[in-house]
């Protein structure tokens, strides 16, 4: 068994998750981490599992991609060292009028302050843009990051908040 990273993207339809999970279960692959979402009618899923070699998984997924509506990629990855997160969890939220560069500016400031983006979601609803990011920050970096985020928010003419997040129970 090896650790595999698998992505599946394409036009959304009912049953994609069940189909992919069924193929993997049939191969004896154990899903360890996954995320899935719909993006403007398109399906996107990324998962990590322990399973057979990558070629066997790719072959087993061929029937799901044969009609060209889905694209699946499989690759072997090195297992995570398993250490605890190296920071404190925070949530960054940004909302305001849509404009070019919001994600780039906000995530760059997080990176420059030593933070790591661990999850990010954006939505455009009419003229309103929303960004929600989970970030891990080094100890004592939150106040400095909050100040920098407010500077960026002023430049972009958006609202930003940074708040401490509860640690996952898992």
C-alpha atoms as a PDB file:
ATOM      1  CA  UNK A   1       0.000   0.000   0.000  1.00  0.00           C
ATOM      2  CA  UNK A   2       1.167   3.503  -0.775  1.00  0.00           C
ATOM      3  CA  UNK A   3      -0.175   6.975  -0.179  1.00  0.00           C
ATOM      4  CA  UNK A   4      -1.878   8.460  -3.238  1.00  0.00           C
ATOM      5  CA  UNK A   5      -3.145  11.933  -4.102  1.00  0.00           C
ATOM      6  CA  UNK A   6      -6.135  11.847  -6.457  1.00  0.00           C
ATOM      7  CA  UNK A   7      -7.940  14.718  -8.166  1.00  0.00           C
ATOM      8  CA  UNK A   8     -11.197  14.499 -10.080  1.00  0.00           C
ATOM      9  CA  UNK A   9     -12.618  17.497 -11.962  1.00  0.00           C
ATOM     10  CA  UNK A  10     -15.341  18.018 -14.545  1.00  0.00           C
ATOM     11  CA  UNK A  11     -18.916  19.059 -15.178  1.00  0.00           C
ATOM     12  CA  UNK A  12     -20.966  18.301 -12.041  1.00  0.00           C
ATOM     13  CA  UNK A  13     -23.564  15.540 -11.994  1.00  0.00           C
ATOM     14  CA  UNK A  14     -25.114  13.429  -9.242  1.00  0.00           C
ATOM     15  CA  UNK A  15     -23.115  10.372  -8.183  1.00  0.00           C
ATOM     16  CA  UNK A  16     -19.518  11.403  -8.852  1.00  0.00           C
ATOM     17  CA  UNK A  17     -18.439  11.091  -5.220  1.00  0.00           C
ATOM     18  CA  UNK A  18     -20.199   7.733  -4.879  1.00  0.00           C
ATOM     19  CA  UNK A  19     -18.637   6.482  -8.116  1.00  0.00           C
ATOM     20  CA  UNK A  20     -15.090   7.488  -7.161  1.00  0.00           C
ATOM     21  CA  UNK A  21     -15.444   6.251  -3.580  1.00  0.00           C
ATOM     22  CA  UNK A  22     -16.869   2.958  -4.864  1.00  0.00           C
ATOM     23  CA  UNK A  23     -13.944   2.387  -7.215  1.00  0.00           C
ATOM     24  CA  UNK A  24     -11.460   3.129  -4.443  1.00  0.00           C
ATOM     25  CA  UNK A  25     -13.244   0.914  -1.914  1.00  0.00           C
ATOM     26  CA  UNK A  26     -13.304  -1.875  -4.490  1.00  0.00           C
ATOM     27  CA  UNK A  27      -9.523  -1.621  -4.735  1.00  0.00           C
ATOM     28  CA  UNK A  28      -9.118  -1.671  -0.958  1.00  0.00           C
ATOM     29  CA  UNK A  29      -8.007   1.965  -0.827  1.00  0.00           C
ATOM     30  CA  UNK A  30      -8.657   3.774   2.447  1.00  0.00           C
ATOM     31  CA  UNK A  31      -9.589   7.469   2.126  1.00  0.00           C
ATOM     32  CA  UNK A  32      -7.715   9.471   4.753  1.00  0.00           C
ATOM     33  CA  UNK A  33      -8.366  13.101   3.714  1.00  0.00           C
ATOM     34  CA  UNK A  34     -10.665  14.590   1.115  1.00  0.00           C
ATOM     35  CA  UNK A  35     -12.368  17.746   0.013  1.00  0.00           C
ATOM     36  CA  UNK A  36     -15.005  18.282  -2.647  1.00  0.00           C
ATOM     37  CA  UNK A  37     -16.891  21.278  -3.935  1.00  0.00           C
ATOM     38  CA  UNK A  38     -18.916  22.628  -6.828  1.00  0.00           C
ATOM     39  CA  UNK A  39     -17.501  25.648  -8.573  1.00  0.00           C
ATOM     40  CA  UNK A  40     -20.005  27.314 -10.892  1.00  0.00           C
ATOM     41  CA  UNK A  41     -21.383  23.988 -12.050  1.00  0.00           C
ATOM     42  CA  UNK A  42     -18.040  22.224 -12.107  1.00  0.00           C
ATOM     43  CA  UNK A  43     -17.098  19.404  -9.749  1.00  0.00           C
ATOM     44  CA  UNK A  44     -13.704  19.415  -8.019  1.00  0.00           C
ATOM     45  CA  UNK A  45     -12.449  16.792  -5.574  1.00  0.00           C
ATOM     46  CA  UNK A  46      -9.042  16.129  -4.109  1.00  0.00           C
ATOM     47  CA  UNK A  47      -8.362  13.210  -1.844  1.00  0.00           C
ATOM     48  CA  UNK A  48      -5.532  11.343  -0.225  1.00  0.00           C
ATOM     49  CA  UNK A  49      -5.790   7.622   0.357  1.00  0.00           C
ATOM     50  CA  UNK A  50      -3.718   4.572   1.135  1.00  0.00           C
ATOM     51  CA  UNK A  51      -4.081   2.066  -1.630  1.00  0.00           C
ATOM     52  CA  UNK A  52      -2.531   0.000  -4.363  1.00  0.00           C
ATOM     53  CA  UNK A  53      -0.005   1.443  -6.770  1.00  0.00           C
ATOM     54  CA  UNK A  54      -1.028   4.532  -8.729  1.00  0.00           C
ATOM     55  CA  UNK A  55      -1.296   2.732 -12.087  1.00  0.00           C
ATOM     56  CA  UNK A  56      -3.903   0.302 -10.754  1.00  0.00           C
ATOM     57  CA  UNK A  57      -6.016   3.186  -9.434  1.00  0.00           C
ATOM     58  CA  UNK A  58      -5.697   5.117 -12.703  1.00  0.00           C
ATOM     59  CA  UNK A  59      -6.840   2.039 -14.645  1.00  0.00           C
ATOM     60  CA  UNK A  60      -9.796   1.478 -12.319  1.00  0.00           C
ATOM     61  CA  UNK A  61     -10.927   5.109 -12.781  1.00  0.00           C
ATOM     62  CA  UNK A  62     -10.883   4.906 -16.610  1.00  0.00           C
ATOM     63  CA  UNK A  63     -14.576   3.928 -16.899  1.00  0.00           C
ATOM     64  CA  UNK A  64     -15.516   7.102 -14.998  1.00  0.00           C
ATOM     65  CA  UNK A  65     -13.504   9.313 -17.356  1.00  0.00           C
ATOM     66  CA  UNK A  66     -14.104   7.494 -20.657  1.00  0.00           C
ATOM     67  CA  UNK A  67     -16.822   9.879 -21.870  1.00  0.00           C
ATOM     68  CA  UNK A  68     -14.512  12.889 -21.414  1.00  0.00           C
ATOM     69  CA  UNK A  69     -16.751  14.593 -18.854  1.00  0.00           C
ATOM     70  CA  UNK A  70     -14.354  13.934 -15.950  1.00  0.00           C
ATOM     71  CA  UNK A  71     -10.593  14.124 -15.636  1.00  0.00           C
ATOM     72  CA  UNK A  72      -8.887  12.080 -12.915  1.00  0.00           C
ATOM     73  CA  UNK A  73      -5.238  12.205 -11.919  1.00  0.00           C
ATOM     74  CA  UNK A  74      -3.466   9.868  -9.530  1.00  0.00           C
ATOM     75  CA  UNK A  75       0.018  10.148  -8.136  1.00  0.00           C
ATOM     76  CA  UNK A  76       1.996   8.572  -5.350  1.00  0.00           C
ATOM     77  CA  UNK A  77       2.993  10.996  -2.608  1.00  0.00           C
ATOM     78  CA  UNK A  78       5.263  10.822   0.392  1.00  0.00           C
ATOM     79  CA  UNK A  79       3.339  10.288   3.625  1.00  0.00           C
ATOM     80  CA  UNK A  80       3.122  13.336   5.877  1.00  0.00           C
ATOM     81  CA  UNK A  81       5.644  13.305   8.688  1.00  0.00           C
ATOM     82  CA  UNK A  82       2.632  13.528  11.007  1.00  0.00           C
ATOM     83  CA  UNK A  83       3.784  16.402  13.164  1.00  0.00           C
ATOM     84  CA  UNK A  84       1.346  18.715  14.869  1.00  0.00           C
ATOM     85  CA  UNK A  85       0.502  22.027  13.166  1.00  0.00           C
ATOM     86  CA  UNK A  86       3.266  24.549  13.689  1.00  0.00           C
ATOM     87  CA  UNK A  87       1.039  27.483  14.531  1.00  0.00           C
ATOM     88  CA  UNK A  88      -2.163  28.784  15.980  1.00  0.00           C
ATOM     89  CA  UNK A  89      -5.369  28.480  13.925  1.00  0.00           C
ATOM     90  CA  UNK A  90      -7.058  31.679  12.736  1.00  0.00           C
ATOM     91  CA  UNK A  91      -9.836  32.588  10.316  1.00  0.00           C
ATOM     92  CA  UNK A  92      -9.448  35.415   7.828  1.00  0.00           C
ATOM     93  CA  UNK A  93     -12.589  36.696   6.152  1.00  0.00           C
ATOM     94  CA  UNK A  94     -12.785  39.335   3.455  1.00  0.00           C
ATOM     95  CA  UNK A  95     -15.870  40.749   1.827  1.00  0.00           C
ATOM     96  CA  UNK A  96     -16.517  43.628  -0.501  1.00  0.00           C
ATOM     97  CA  UNK A  97     -16.925  44.552  -4.122  1.00  0.00           C
ATOM     98  CA  UNK A  98     -15.249  42.132  -6.517  1.00  0.00           C
ATOM     99  CA  UNK A  99     -11.932  43.315  -7.831  1.00  0.00           C
ATOM    100  CA  UNK A 100      -8.773  41.834  -9.252  1.00  0.00           C
ATOM    101  CA  UNK A 101      -6.064  40.738  -6.808  1.00  0.00           C
ATOM    102  CA  UNK A 102      -7.929  40.147  -3.534  1.00  0.00           C
ATOM    103  CA  UNK A 103      -6.754  36.553  -3.076  1.00  0.00           C
ATOM    104  CA  UNK A 104      -3.201  37.363  -4.148  1.00  0.00           C
ATOM    105  CA  UNK A 105      -2.863  40.344  -1.803  1.00  0.00           C
ATOM    106  CA  UNK A 106      -4.400  38.699   1.262  1.00  0.00           C
ATOM    107  CA  UNK A 107      -2.529  35.415   0.948  1.00  0.00           C
ATOM    108  CA  UNK A 108       0.772  37.197   0.275  1.00  0.00           C
ATOM    109  CA  UNK A 109       0.446  39.150   3.536  1.00  0.00           C
ATOM    110  CA  UNK A 110      -0.321  35.921   5.419  1.00  0.00           C
ATOM    111  CA  UNK A 111       2.782  34.306   3.920  1.00  0.00           C
ATOM    112  CA  UNK A 112       4.978  37.319   4.656  1.00  0.00           C
ATOM    113  CA  UNK A 113       3.968  37.164   8.325  1.00  0.00           C
ATOM    114  CA  UNK A 114       4.996  33.497   8.504  1.00  0.00           C
ATOM    115  CA  UNK A 115       1.479  32.094   8.182  1.00  0.00           C
ATOM    116  CA  UNK A 116       0.295  29.147   6.145  1.00  0.00           C
ATOM    117  CA  UNK A 117      -3.083  28.992   4.386  1.00  0.00           C
ATOM    118  CA  UNK A 118      -4.608  25.598   5.234  1.00  0.00           C
ATOM    119  CA  UNK A 119      -8.030  26.074   3.632  1.00  0.00           C
ATOM    120  CA  UNK A 120      -9.470  28.770   1.371  1.00  0.00           C
ATOM    121  CA  UNK A 121     -12.898  29.357  -0.108  1.00  0.00           C
ATOM    122  CA  UNK A 122     -14.079  32.227  -2.283  1.00  0.00           C
ATOM    123  CA  UNK A 123     -17.500  33.075  -3.651  1.00  0.00           C
ATOM    124  CA  UNK A 124     -18.712  35.696  -6.076  1.00  0.00           C
ATOM    125  CA  UNK A 125     -22.378  36.562  -5.690  1.00  0.00           C
ATOM    126  CA  UNK A 126     -23.311  39.357  -8.037  1.00  0.00           C
ATOM    127  CA  UNK A 127     -20.940  42.214  -7.242  1.00  0.00           C
ATOM    128  CA  UNK A 128     -20.063  40.883  -3.738  1.00  0.00           C
ATOM    129  CA  UNK A 129     -16.860  38.889  -3.234  1.00  0.00           C
ATOM    130  CA  UNK A 130     -16.272  36.728  -0.164  1.00  0.00           C
ATOM    131  CA  UNK A 131     -13.034  35.035   0.894  1.00  0.00           C
ATOM    132  CA  UNK A 132     -12.731  32.796   3.944  1.00  0.00           C
ATOM    133  CA  UNK A 133      -9.339  31.322   4.783  1.00  0.00           C
ATOM    134  CA  UNK A 134      -8.142  29.123   7.587  1.00  0.00           C
ATOM    135  CA  UNK A 135      -4.547  29.967   8.413  1.00  0.00           C
ATOM    136  CA  UNK A 136      -1.924  28.746  10.868  1.00  0.00           C
ATOM    137  CA  UNK A 137       0.068  31.599  12.362  1.00  0.00           C
ATOM    138  CA  UNK A 138       3.278  31.598  14.368  1.00  0.00           C
ATOM    139  CA  UNK A 139       2.812  32.489  18.028  1.00  0.00           C
ATOM    140  CA  UNK A 140       2.360  36.249  18.564  1.00  0.00           C
ATOM    141  CA  UNK A 141       1.953  36.999  14.822  1.00  0.00           C
ATOM    142  CA  UNK A 142      -1.798  37.684  14.884  1.00  0.00           C
ATOM    143  CA  UNK A 143      -1.674  41.339  15.919  1.00  0.00           C
ATOM    144  CA  UNK A 144       0.925  42.213  13.285  1.00  0.00           C
ATOM    145  CA  UNK A 145      -1.013  40.284  10.635  1.00  0.00           C
ATOM    146  CA  UNK A 146      -4.269  42.013  11.585  1.00  0.00           C
ATOM    147  CA  UNK A 147      -2.605  45.401  11.097  1.00  0.00           C
ATOM    148  CA  UNK A 148      -1.205  44.389   7.710  1.00  0.00           C
ATOM    149  CA  UNK A 149      -4.536  42.904   6.597  1.00  0.00           C
ATOM    150  CA  UNK A 150      -6.302  46.145   7.463  1.00  0.00           C
ATOM    151  CA  UNK A 151      -3.781  48.069   5.322  1.00  0.00           C
ATOM    152  CA  UNK A 152      -4.425  45.718   2.392  1.00  0.00           C
ATOM    153  CA  UNK A 153      -8.188  45.920   2.941  1.00  0.00           C
ATOM    154  CA  UNK A 154      -8.037  49.706   2.775  1.00  0.00           C
ATOM    155  CA  UNK A 155      -6.077  49.550  -0.503  1.00  0.00           C
ATOM    156  CA  UNK A 156      -8.579  47.058  -1.965  1.00  0.00           C
ATOM    157  CA  UNK A 157     -11.633  48.820  -0.498  1.00  0.00           C
ATOM    158  CA  UNK A 158     -12.885  45.650   1.220  1.00  0.00           C
ATOM    159  CA  UNK A 159     -13.637  44.627   4.814  1.00  0.00           C
ATOM    160  CA  UNK A 160     -11.377  42.114   6.585  1.00  0.00           C
ATOM    161  CA  UNK A 161     -11.538  40.278   9.897  1.00  0.00           C
ATOM    162  CA  UNK A 162      -9.040  38.021  11.626  1.00  0.00           C
ATOM    163  CA  UNK A 163     -10.166  35.898  14.535  1.00  0.00           C
ATOM    164  CA  UNK A 164      -8.777  32.985  16.503  1.00  0.00           C
ATOM    165  CA  UNK A 165     -10.292  29.643  15.466  1.00  0.00           C
ATOM    166  CA  UNK A 166     -11.076  26.632  17.575  1.00  0.00           C
ATOM    167  CA  UNK A 167      -8.660  23.765  17.160  1.00  0.00           C
ATOM    168  CA  UNK A 168     -10.088  20.777  15.305  1.00  0.00           C
ATOM    169  CA  UNK A 169     -11.139  17.899  17.515  1.00  0.00           C
ATOM    170  CA  UNK A 170      -9.855  15.310  15.047  1.00  0.00           C
END
